[in-house]
Amino acid sequence: MSATVATLHKEYKEQVLPALLKNRGYQNVNQAPKLEKVVVNCCVGSAQDVKVALEDAIHDIQAITGQKPIKTLSKKSIANFKLRQYQEIGCKVTLRGRIMYEFLERLIRTALPRIRDFRGVSPRAFDGRGSYTLGVKDQSIFPEIELEKIKRNLGMDVTIVTSAQTNAEAKELLTLLGMPFSDRKVQNKVQK
């Protein structure tokens, strides 16, 4: 059985990689930045019934990503939040390869445009080492989630880890892949 190649991965090989080689002047294809992994993280630590909320989060994350998440534990106790050390408070999943490209394609082309009043994602969420983190406030933007079955809003962080050395390289890679970055200068002029 042959694995199908995700459209986004095919576009990376056929269009993005040659564009990066030309724009950046790389001598070798291995110098060009590429996607390494995508981590989807969800925390339900503030919910009233943490066990039920965690099971709902695991179910939704598995439906969205197509891979079973692992539970995450708290690192220390915080009395004000009624949090004990090593308490299960969230879940995360790490995507690589074909599943990573399929998830990113659904995120960029289907989920993000479904956000109400969407003007693009922030271009300032890079960490300085080529990784980009995007916050999603509601899981209902993903078509895999049935709106009738949502019990609570579930926010999540999507971290895209690249092999880029700088923010500029990572931003160019994600822009060529279709990530809709907002243009802050245009938004500021419209607001004035």
N, C-alpha and C. Protein backbone atom coordinates (compact mmCIF):
# COMPACT_ATOMS: atom_id res chain seq x y z
N MET A 1 0.85 -1.18 0.00
CA MET A 1 0.00 0.00 0.00
C MET A 1 0.89 1.23 0.00
N SER A 2 0.76 2.09 -0.97
CA SER A 2 1.60 3.28 -1.04
C SER A 2 0.91 4.44 -0.31
N ALA A 3 1.70 5.20 0.41
CA ALA A 3 1.18 6.34 1.14
C ALA A 3 0.99 7.51 0.17
N THR A 4 -0.13 8.18 0.29
CA THR A 4 -0.36 9.33 -0.57
C THR A 4 0.44 10.52 -0.05
N VAL A 5 0.92 11.33 -0.96
CA VAL A 5 1.70 12.50 -0.59
C VAL A 5 0.75 13.67 -0.39
N ALA A 6 0.87 14.34 0.76
CA ALA A 6 0.03 15.49 1.05
C ALA A 6 0.31 16.59 0.03
N THR A 7 -0.72 17.32 -0.35
CA THR A 7 -0.58 18.37 -1.35
C THR A 7 0.43 19.42 -0.90
N LEU A 8 0.41 19.76 0.39
CA LEU A 8 1.33 20.76 0.91
C LEU A 8 2.78 20.29 0.81
N HIS A 9 3.03 19.01 1.04
CA HIS A 9 4.37 18.46 0.93
C HIS A 9 4.83 18.48 -0.53
N LYS A 10 3.93 18.17 -1.43
CA LYS A 10 4.25 18.20 -2.85
C LYS A 10 4.57 19.64 -3.29
N GLU A 11 3.79 20.61 -2.79
CA GLU A 11 4.06 22.01 -3.10
C GLU A 11 5.40 22.46 -2.54
N TYR A 12 5.75 21.96 -1.34
CA TYR A 12 7.05 22.30 -0.75
C TYR A 12 8.18 21.86 -1.67
N LYS A 13 8.10 20.62 -2.15
CA LYS A 13 9.16 20.08 -3.00
C LYS A 13 9.22 20.76 -4.37
N GLU A 14 8.05 21.04 -4.96
CA GLU A 14 8.02 21.54 -6.33
C GLU A 14 8.09 23.06 -6.45
N GLN A 15 7.56 23.80 -5.47
CA GLN A 15 7.49 25.25 -5.60
C GLN A 15 8.28 26.00 -4.53
N VAL A 16 8.10 25.62 -3.27
CA VAL A 16 8.70 26.36 -2.15
C VAL A 16 10.21 26.18 -2.12
N LEU A 17 10.68 24.96 -2.24
CA LEU A 17 12.12 24.69 -2.18
C LEU A 17 12.89 25.43 -3.28
N PRO A 18 12.45 25.36 -4.55
CA PRO A 18 13.16 26.15 -5.57
C PRO A 18 13.12 27.66 -5.31
N ALA A 19 11.99 28.16 -4.78
CA ALA A 19 11.89 29.59 -4.48
C ALA A 19 12.85 29.98 -3.36
N LEU A 20 12.98 29.14 -2.35
CA LEU A 20 13.91 29.42 -1.25
C LEU A 20 15.36 29.40 -1.75
N LEU A 21 15.68 28.43 -2.60
CA LEU A 21 17.03 28.35 -3.15
C LEU A 21 17.37 29.61 -3.96
N LYS A 22 16.40 30.08 -4.72
CA LYS A 22 16.64 31.26 -5.55
C LYS A 22 16.71 32.54 -4.70
N ASN A 23 15.76 32.72 -3.78
CA ASN A 23 15.69 33.95 -2.98
C ASN A 23 16.84 34.09 -1.99
N ARG A 24 17.22 33.01 -1.37
CA ARG A 24 18.22 33.04 -0.31
C ARG A 24 19.63 32.72 -0.81
N GLY A 25 19.74 32.21 -2.00
CA GLY A 25 21.06 31.91 -2.55
C GLY A 25 21.73 30.71 -1.92
N TYR A 26 20.96 29.73 -1.50
CA TYR A 26 21.54 28.52 -0.91
C TYR A 26 22.25 27.72 -2.01
N GLN A 27 23.37 27.11 -1.66
CA GLN A 27 24.13 26.31 -2.62
C GLN A 27 23.60 24.87 -2.70
N ASN A 28 22.92 24.43 -1.64
CA ASN A 28 22.51 23.03 -1.54
C ASN A 28 21.07 22.99 -1.03
N VAL A 29 20.28 22.01 -1.46
CA VAL A 29 18.90 21.90 -0.99
C VAL A 29 18.83 21.61 0.51
N ASN A 30 19.88 21.02 1.07
CA ASN A 30 19.88 20.72 2.50
C ASN A 30 20.08 21.97 3.36
N GLN A 31 20.51 23.07 2.77
CA GLN A 31 20.63 24.32 3.51
C GLN A 31 19.28 25.01 3.68
N ALA A 32 18.35 24.75 2.80
CA ALA A 32 17.04 25.39 2.85
C ALA A 32 16.27 24.91 4.07
N PRO A 33 15.54 25.81 4.74
CA PRO A 33 14.75 25.39 5.90
C PRO A 33 13.60 24.49 5.50
N LYS A 34 13.24 23.59 6.41
CA LYS A 34 12.11 22.70 6.17
C LYS A 34 11.34 22.51 7.47
N LEU A 35 10.16 21.97 7.36
CA LEU A 35 9.35 21.69 8.54
C LEU A 35 9.88 20.44 9.23
N GLU A 36 10.04 20.51 10.54
CA GLU A 36 10.51 19.34 11.29
C GLU A 36 9.37 18.65 12.02
N LYS A 37 8.56 19.44 12.75
CA LYS A 37 7.43 18.84 13.47
C LYS A 37 6.42 19.92 13.82
N VAL A 38 5.22 19.49 14.17
CA VAL A 38 4.17 20.37 14.65
C VAL A 38 3.68 19.79 15.97
N VAL A 39 3.64 20.62 17.00
CA VAL A 39 3.18 20.19 18.32
C VAL A 39 1.87 20.91 18.63
N VAL A 40 0.81 20.15 18.92
CA VAL A 40 -0.48 20.72 19.31
C VAL A 40 -0.65 20.43 20.80
N ASN A 41 -0.78 21.52 21.59
CA ASN A 41 -0.84 21.42 23.04
C ASN A 41 -2.14 22.04 23.53
N CYS A 42 -2.79 21.37 24.48
CA CYS A 42 -4.05 21.86 25.04
C CYS A 42 -4.01 21.69 26.55
N CYS A 43 -4.42 22.72 27.29
CA CYS A 43 -4.44 22.66 28.75
C CYS A 43 -5.85 22.91 29.25
N VAL A 44 -6.31 22.07 30.16
CA VAL A 44 -7.65 22.22 30.75
C VAL A 44 -7.55 22.37 32.26
N GLY A 45 -6.43 22.82 32.77
CA GLY A 45 -6.18 22.90 34.20
C GLY A 45 -7.15 23.75 34.98
N SER A 46 -7.81 24.72 34.34
CA SER A 46 -8.70 25.61 35.07
C SER A 46 -10.16 25.15 35.05
N ALA A 47 -10.44 24.05 34.40
CA ALA A 47 -11.82 23.55 34.33
C ALA A 47 -12.27 23.00 35.68
N GLN A 48 -13.59 23.04 35.94
CA GLN A 48 -14.12 22.56 37.22
C GLN A 48 -13.90 21.06 37.38
N ASP A 49 -14.33 20.29 36.40
CA ASP A 49 -14.16 18.85 36.45
C ASP A 49 -13.04 18.48 35.48
N VAL A 50 -11.81 18.42 36.00
CA VAL A 50 -10.63 18.27 35.16
C VAL A 50 -10.63 16.94 34.42
N LYS A 51 -11.05 15.86 35.05
CA LYS A 51 -11.01 14.55 34.39
C LYS A 51 -11.94 14.48 33.18
N VAL A 52 -13.15 14.99 33.31
CA VAL A 52 -14.09 14.99 32.18
C VAL A 52 -13.60 15.93 31.10
N ALA A 53 -13.11 17.11 31.50
CA ALA A 53 -12.60 18.08 30.52
C ALA A 53 -11.40 17.52 29.78
N LEU A 54 -10.53 16.78 30.48
CA LEU A 54 -9.36 16.19 29.85
C LEU A 54 -9.75 15.12 28.84
N GLU A 55 -10.73 14.32 29.17
CA GLU A 55 -11.20 13.30 28.22
C GLU A 55 -11.81 13.94 26.98
N ASP A 56 -12.57 15.02 27.17
CA ASP A 56 -13.13 15.76 26.01
C ASP A 56 -12.00 16.33 25.15
N ALA A 57 -10.98 16.89 25.81
CA ALA A 57 -9.85 17.48 25.08
C ALA A 57 -9.10 16.40 24.29
N ILE A 58 -8.87 15.25 24.89
CA ILE A 58 -8.18 14.17 24.21
C ILE A 58 -8.98 13.72 22.98
N HIS A 59 -10.29 13.59 23.15
CA HIS A 59 -11.15 13.18 22.03
C HIS A 59 -11.09 14.20 20.90
N ASP A 60 -11.19 15.50 21.22
CA ASP A 60 -11.19 16.54 20.19
C ASP A 60 -9.83 16.66 19.50
N ILE A 61 -8.75 16.61 20.28
CA ILE A 61 -7.40 16.71 19.69
C ILE A 61 -7.13 15.52 18.77
N GLN A 62 -7.59 14.34 19.18
CA GLN A 62 -7.41 13.15 18.33
C GLN A 62 -8.21 13.29 17.04
N ALA A 63 -9.41 13.86 17.12
CA ALA A 63 -10.21 14.04 15.91
C ALA A 63 -9.58 15.07 14.98
N ILE A 64 -9.00 16.12 15.55
CA ILE A 64 -8.40 17.19 14.75
C ILE A 64 -7.10 16.74 14.09
N THR A 65 -6.23 16.06 14.85
CA THR A 65 -4.90 15.73 14.35
C THR A 65 -4.80 14.36 13.71
N GLY A 66 -5.66 13.43 14.09
CA GLY A 66 -5.59 12.08 13.56
C GLY A 66 -4.57 11.22 14.28
N GLN A 67 -4.14 11.68 15.45
CA GLN A 67 -3.15 10.93 16.23
C GLN A 67 -3.52 11.04 17.70
N LYS A 68 -3.32 9.97 18.46
CA LYS A 68 -3.71 9.97 19.87
C LYS A 68 -2.74 10.81 20.70
N PRO A 69 -3.26 11.79 21.47
CA PRO A 69 -2.38 12.63 22.30
C PRO A 69 -1.98 11.95 23.60
N ILE A 70 -0.92 12.47 24.21
CA ILE A 70 -0.50 12.00 25.53
C ILE A 70 -0.92 13.04 26.57
N LYS A 71 -1.13 12.60 27.80
CA LYS A 71 -1.52 13.52 28.86
C LYS A 71 -0.28 14.24 29.39
N THR A 72 -0.46 15.51 29.75
CA THR A 72 0.64 16.28 30.34
C THR A 72 0.34 16.51 31.81
N LEU A 73 1.40 16.58 32.61
CA LEU A 73 1.29 16.71 34.06
C LEU A 73 1.80 18.07 34.51
N SER A 74 1.24 18.56 35.63
CA SER A 74 1.73 19.82 36.19
C SER A 74 3.10 19.59 36.82
N LYS A 75 3.96 20.61 36.73
CA LYS A 75 5.32 20.47 37.25
C LYS A 75 5.42 20.80 38.73
N LYS A 76 4.54 21.70 39.22
CA LYS A 76 4.59 22.05 40.64
C LYS A 76 3.21 22.36 41.16
N SER A 77 3.08 22.41 42.47
CA SER A 77 1.81 22.70 43.12
C SER A 77 1.61 24.21 43.22
N ILE A 78 0.37 24.66 42.94
CA ILE A 78 0.00 26.06 43.10
C ILE A 78 -1.34 26.07 43.83
N ALA A 79 -1.32 26.51 45.09
CA ALA A 79 -2.51 26.44 45.93
C ALA A 79 -3.63 27.34 45.42
N ASN A 80 -3.32 28.52 44.92
CA ASN A 80 -4.35 29.45 44.45
C ASN A 80 -5.16 28.87 43.29
N PHE A 81 -4.55 28.02 42.49
CA PHE A 81 -5.24 27.41 41.36
C PHE A 81 -5.74 26.00 41.67
N LYS A 82 -5.62 25.58 42.92
CA LYS A 82 -6.00 24.22 43.36
C LYS A 82 -5.32 23.18 42.48
N LEU A 83 -4.03 23.37 42.28
CA LEU A 83 -3.24 22.52 41.41
C LEU A 83 -2.19 21.78 42.23
N ARG A 84 -2.15 20.47 42.07
CA ARG A 84 -1.17 19.65 42.76
C ARG A 84 -0.08 19.22 41.79
N GLN A 85 1.10 18.97 42.31
CA GLN A 85 2.21 18.51 41.48
C GLN A 85 1.87 17.16 40.87
N TYR A 86 2.24 16.97 39.60
CA TYR A 86 2.01 15.76 38.82
C TYR A 86 0.53 15.46 38.56
N GLN A 87 -0.33 16.48 38.65
CA GLN A 87 -1.74 16.31 38.32
C GLN A 87 -1.91 16.40 36.81
N GLU A 88 -2.76 15.57 36.22
CA GLU A 88 -3.02 15.62 34.78
C GLU A 88 -3.80 16.88 34.47
N ILE A 89 -3.23 17.76 33.64
CA ILE A 89 -3.88 19.04 33.36
C ILE A 89 -4.06 19.33 31.87
N GLY A 90 -3.56 18.48 30.99
CA GLY A 90 -3.69 18.76 29.57
C GLY A 90 -3.24 17.60 28.73
N CYS A 91 -3.12 17.85 27.43
CA CYS A 91 -2.65 16.82 26.52
C CYS A 91 -1.91 17.49 25.37
N LYS A 92 -1.06 16.71 24.71
CA LYS A 92 -0.33 17.22 23.56
C LYS A 92 -0.06 16.10 22.58
N VAL A 93 0.17 16.49 21.34
CA VAL A 93 0.48 15.52 20.29
C VAL A 93 1.56 16.13 19.40
N THR A 94 2.53 15.31 19.02
CA THR A 94 3.60 15.74 18.13
C THR A 94 3.41 15.06 16.78
N LEU A 95 3.30 15.89 15.74
CA LEU A 95 3.05 15.38 14.39
C LEU A 95 4.31 15.53 13.56
N ARG A 96 4.62 14.50 12.79
CA ARG A 96 5.77 14.52 11.88
C ARG A 96 5.35 13.88 10.57
N GLY A 97 6.14 14.14 9.53
CA GLY A 97 5.94 13.47 8.24
C GLY A 97 4.62 13.80 7.57
N ARG A 98 4.00 12.79 7.00
CA ARG A 98 2.78 12.96 6.21
C ARG A 98 1.65 13.55 7.05
N ILE A 99 1.47 13.08 8.28
CA ILE A 99 0.40 13.57 9.14
C ILE A 99 0.59 15.06 9.44
N MET A 100 1.84 15.48 9.62
CA MET A 100 2.15 16.89 9.89
C MET A 100 1.72 17.75 8.71
N TYR A 101 2.09 17.35 7.48
CA TYR A 101 1.73 18.13 6.30
C TYR A 101 0.22 18.17 6.09
N GLU A 102 -0.47 17.06 6.34
CA GLU A 102 -1.93 17.03 6.19
C GLU A 102 -2.59 17.96 7.20
N PHE A 103 -2.11 17.95 8.46
CA PHE A 103 -2.67 18.83 9.49
C PHE A 103 -2.44 20.30 9.13
N LEU A 104 -1.22 20.64 8.72
CA LEU A 104 -0.92 22.03 8.36
C LEU A 104 -1.76 22.50 7.18
N GLU A 105 -1.96 21.63 6.23
CA GLU A 105 -2.79 21.99 5.08
C GLU A 105 -4.22 22.30 5.51
N ARG A 106 -4.78 21.47 6.39
CA ARG A 106 -6.14 21.72 6.90
C ARG A 106 -6.17 23.00 7.74
N LEU A 107 -5.13 23.24 8.53
CA LEU A 107 -5.07 24.44 9.37
C LEU A 107 -5.03 25.70 8.52
N ILE A 108 -4.11 25.74 7.54
CA ILE A 108 -3.89 26.94 6.74
C ILE A 108 -5.04 27.20 5.77
N ARG A 109 -5.54 26.15 5.12
CA ARG A 109 -6.50 26.35 4.04
C ARG A 109 -7.95 26.25 4.47
N THR A 110 -8.23 25.57 5.58
CA THR A 110 -9.62 25.38 5.98
C THR A 110 -9.96 26.03 7.31
N ALA A 111 -9.15 25.75 8.35
CA ALA A 111 -9.51 26.19 9.70
C ALA A 111 -9.32 27.70 9.91
N LEU A 112 -8.16 28.24 9.57
CA LEU A 112 -7.91 29.66 9.81
C LEU A 112 -8.88 30.57 9.07
N PRO A 113 -9.22 30.31 7.80
CA PRO A 113 -10.20 31.17 7.14
C PRO A 113 -11.60 31.12 7.76
N ARG A 114 -11.90 30.11 8.58
CA ARG A 114 -13.21 30.00 9.21
C ARG A 114 -13.33 30.86 10.47
N ILE A 115 -12.23 31.47 10.91
CA ILE A 115 -12.27 32.33 12.10
C ILE A 115 -13.01 33.62 11.73
N ARG A 116 -13.91 34.03 12.60
CA ARG A 116 -14.69 35.26 12.35
C ARG A 116 -13.77 36.47 12.38
N ASP A 117 -13.94 37.38 11.44
CA ASP A 117 -13.15 38.61 11.31
C ASP A 117 -11.65 38.31 11.25
N PHE A 118 -11.28 37.29 10.52
CA PHE A 118 -9.87 36.88 10.43
C PHE A 118 -9.11 37.80 9.50
N ARG A 119 -8.02 38.39 10.02
CA ARG A 119 -7.20 39.30 9.23
C ARG A 119 -5.77 38.79 9.09
N GLY A 120 -5.54 37.57 9.46
CA GLY A 120 -4.21 36.99 9.37
C GLY A 120 -3.64 36.70 10.75
N VAL A 121 -2.60 35.89 10.78
CA VAL A 121 -1.95 35.54 12.05
C VAL A 121 -0.81 36.53 12.31
N SER A 122 -0.44 36.67 13.56
CA SER A 122 0.58 37.63 13.95
C SER A 122 1.95 37.21 13.41
N PRO A 123 2.67 38.14 12.79
CA PRO A 123 4.02 37.82 12.31
C PRO A 123 5.07 37.93 13.40
N ARG A 124 4.64 38.24 14.64
CA ARG A 124 5.60 38.45 15.72
C ARG A 124 5.69 37.27 16.69
N ALA A 125 5.14 36.12 16.36
CA ALA A 125 5.11 34.99 17.27
C ALA A 125 6.25 33.99 17.03
N PHE A 126 7.34 34.44 16.44
CA PHE A 126 8.50 33.57 16.25
C PHE A 126 9.37 33.63 17.51
N ASP A 127 10.10 32.55 17.78
CA ASP A 127 10.89 32.48 19.01
C ASP A 127 12.36 32.84 18.84
N GLY A 128 12.79 33.20 17.64
CA GLY A 128 14.19 33.55 17.42
C GLY A 128 15.04 32.40 16.90
N ARG A 129 14.51 31.20 16.95
CA ARG A 129 15.24 30.02 16.50
C ARG A 129 14.48 29.28 15.40
N GLY A 130 13.53 29.96 14.76
CA GLY A 130 12.84 29.35 13.63
C GLY A 130 11.55 28.64 13.94
N SER A 131 11.06 28.73 15.17
CA SER A 131 9.79 28.10 15.50
C SER A 131 8.70 29.17 15.60
N TYR A 132 7.47 28.78 15.26
CA TYR A 132 6.34 29.71 15.26
C TYR A 132 5.21 29.09 16.07
N THR A 133 4.63 29.87 16.99
CA THR A 133 3.54 29.38 17.82
C THR A 133 2.28 30.19 17.56
N LEU A 134 1.19 29.48 17.35
CA LEU A 134 -0.09 30.08 17.01
C LEU A 134 -1.11 29.62 18.04
N GLY A 135 -1.85 30.55 18.60
CA GLY A 135 -2.90 30.20 19.56
C GLY A 135 -4.25 30.10 18.87
N VAL A 136 -4.97 29.03 19.15
CA VAL A 136 -6.32 28.85 18.61
C VAL A 136 -7.27 28.87 19.80
N LYS A 137 -8.24 29.79 19.78
CA LYS A 137 -9.13 29.96 20.93
C LYS A 137 -10.29 28.98 20.98
N ASP A 138 -10.66 28.44 19.82
CA ASP A 138 -11.85 27.60 19.77
C ASP A 138 -11.63 26.45 18.78
N GLN A 139 -11.97 25.24 19.20
CA GLN A 139 -11.74 24.07 18.33
C GLN A 139 -12.79 23.94 17.24
N SER A 140 -13.84 24.75 17.27
CA SER A 140 -14.92 24.61 16.29
C SER A 140 -14.52 25.07 14.90
N ILE A 141 -13.35 25.72 14.74
CA ILE A 141 -12.91 26.14 13.40
C ILE A 141 -12.46 24.94 12.56
N PHE A 142 -12.17 23.83 13.19
CA PHE A 142 -11.75 22.64 12.46
C PHE A 142 -12.98 21.88 11.98
N PRO A 143 -13.01 21.47 10.72
CA PRO A 143 -14.20 20.79 10.19
C PRO A 143 -14.43 19.40 10.79
N GLU A 144 -13.43 18.82 11.44
CA GLU A 144 -13.58 17.48 12.03
C GLU A 144 -14.45 17.51 13.29
N ILE A 145 -14.64 18.67 13.89
CA ILE A 145 -15.41 18.81 15.13
C ILE A 145 -16.87 19.07 14.80
N GLU A 146 -17.75 18.25 15.36
CA GLU A 146 -19.19 18.44 15.17
C GLU A 146 -19.68 19.47 16.19
N LEU A 147 -20.30 20.53 15.72
CA LEU A 147 -20.71 21.64 16.58
C LEU A 147 -21.72 21.21 17.65
N GLU A 148 -22.56 20.24 17.35
CA GLU A 148 -23.58 19.79 18.30
C GLU A 148 -22.96 19.07 19.50
N LYS A 149 -21.78 18.49 19.32
CA LYS A 149 -21.17 17.68 20.37
C LYS A 149 -20.17 18.45 21.23
N ILE A 150 -19.99 19.75 20.99
CA ILE A 150 -19.04 20.54 21.78
C ILE A 150 -19.65 20.82 23.15
N LYS A 151 -18.92 20.42 24.20
CA LYS A 151 -19.39 20.65 25.57
C LYS A 151 -18.76 21.91 26.17
N ARG A 152 -17.52 22.21 25.76
CA ARG A 152 -16.83 23.40 26.27
C ARG A 152 -15.83 23.87 25.22
N ASN A 153 -15.54 25.16 25.24
CA ASN A 153 -14.54 25.69 24.32
C ASN A 153 -13.17 25.16 24.71
N LEU A 154 -12.39 24.84 23.72
CA LEU A 154 -11.09 24.24 23.95
C LEU A 154 -10.04 25.05 23.20
N GLY A 155 -9.20 25.74 23.92
CA GLY A 155 -8.11 26.49 23.31
C GLY A 155 -6.88 25.61 23.19
N MET A 156 -6.05 25.91 22.19
CA MET A 156 -4.85 25.10 22.01
C MET A 156 -3.75 25.94 21.39
N ASP A 157 -2.52 25.50 21.59
CA ASP A 157 -1.36 26.12 20.98
C ASP A 157 -0.83 25.19 19.90
N VAL A 158 -0.54 25.75 18.73
CA VAL A 158 0.04 24.99 17.63
C VAL A 158 1.44 25.55 17.40
N THR A 159 2.46 24.75 17.66
CA THR A 159 3.85 25.18 17.47
C THR A 159 4.41 24.48 16.24
N ILE A 160 4.88 25.29 15.30
CA ILE A 160 5.46 24.78 14.06
C ILE A 160 6.97 24.91 14.19
N VAL A 161 7.68 23.79 14.26
CA VAL A 161 9.13 23.79 14.43
C VAL A 161 9.77 23.58 13.07
N THR A 162 10.66 24.51 12.68
CA THR A 162 11.35 24.41 11.40
C THR A 162 12.85 24.28 11.64
N SER A 163 13.57 23.98 10.58
CA SER A 163 15.02 23.89 10.69
C SER A 163 15.68 25.22 10.38
N ALA A 164 14.90 26.29 10.26
CA ALA A 164 15.42 27.62 9.96
C ALA A 164 16.27 28.13 11.12
N GLN A 165 17.30 28.91 10.80
CA GLN A 165 18.19 29.46 11.83
C GLN A 165 17.70 30.81 12.34
N THR A 166 16.94 31.53 11.53
CA THR A 166 16.48 32.86 11.93
C THR A 166 14.97 32.98 11.72
N ASN A 167 14.40 34.04 12.32
CA ASN A 167 12.98 34.30 12.14
C ASN A 167 12.64 34.62 10.70
N ALA A 168 13.52 35.34 10.02
CA ALA A 168 13.26 35.73 8.63
C ALA A 168 13.16 34.51 7.73
N GLU A 169 14.06 33.54 7.90
CA GLU A 169 14.01 32.32 7.11
C GLU A 169 12.72 31.55 7.38
N ALA A 170 12.36 31.44 8.66
CA ALA A 170 11.15 30.70 9.03
C ALA A 170 9.90 31.38 8.49
N LYS A 171 9.87 32.73 8.57
CA LYS A 171 8.70 33.46 8.06
C LYS A 171 8.57 33.29 6.55
N GLU A 172 9.70 33.34 5.84
CA GLU A 172 9.65 33.16 4.39
C GLU A 172 9.16 31.76 4.03
N LEU A 173 9.64 30.74 4.77
CA LEU A 173 9.19 29.37 4.53
C LEU A 173 7.68 29.25 4.74
N LEU A 174 7.18 29.75 5.87
CA LEU A 174 5.76 29.62 6.17
C LEU A 174 4.91 30.46 5.21
N THR A 175 5.41 31.62 4.80
CA THR A 175 4.68 32.45 3.83
C THR A 175 4.56 31.73 2.50
N LEU A 176 5.64 31.11 2.05
CA LEU A 176 5.59 30.37 0.78
C LEU A 176 4.68 29.15 0.88
N LEU A 177 4.54 28.59 2.08
CA LEU A 177 3.63 27.45 2.27
C LEU A 177 2.17 27.90 2.35
N GLY A 178 1.93 29.22 2.48
CA GLY A 178 0.56 29.72 2.48
C GLY A 178 0.06 30.24 3.81
N MET A 179 0.91 30.36 4.83
CA MET A 179 0.47 30.88 6.12
C MET A 179 0.04 32.34 5.94
N PRO A 180 -1.19 32.68 6.32
CA PRO A 180 -1.70 34.03 6.08
C PRO A 180 -1.27 35.02 7.17
N PHE A 181 -0.08 35.58 7.05
CA PHE A 181 0.39 36.56 8.02
C PHE A 181 -0.32 37.89 7.80
N SER A 182 -0.63 38.57 8.90
CA SER A 182 -1.28 39.88 8.78
C SER A 182 -0.22 40.94 8.52
N ASP A 183 -0.63 41.99 7.86
CA ASP A 183 0.26 43.11 7.60
C ASP A 183 -0.09 44.20 8.61
N ARG A 184 0.70 44.31 9.66
CA ARG A 184 0.42 45.23 10.77
C ARG A 184 0.33 46.69 10.32
N LYS A 185 1.14 47.12 9.38
CA LYS A 185 1.16 48.51 8.94
C LYS A 185 -0.18 48.89 8.34
N VAL A 186 -0.76 48.00 7.52
CA VAL A 186 -2.05 48.27 6.89
C VAL A 186 -3.13 48.34 7.95
N GLN A 187 -3.12 47.42 8.93
CA GLN A 187 -4.14 47.43 9.98
C GLN A 187 -4.07 48.69 10.81
N ASN A 188 -2.87 49.16 11.15
CA ASN A 188 -2.73 50.36 11.96
C ASN A 188 -3.26 51.57 11.22
N LYS A 189 -3.06 51.68 9.92
CA LYS A 189 -3.57 52.80 9.14
C LYS A 189 -5.08 52.77 9.07
N VAL A 190 -5.67 51.58 8.98
CA VAL A 190 -7.12 51.47 8.91
C VAL A 190 -7.76 51.88 10.23
N GLN A 191 -7.13 51.54 11.36
CA GLN A 191 -7.69 51.85 12.67
C GLN A 191 -7.64 53.34 12.97
N LYS A 192 -6.68 54.09 12.41
CA LYS A 192 -6.54 55.53 12.73
C LYS A 192 -7.58 56.35 12.07
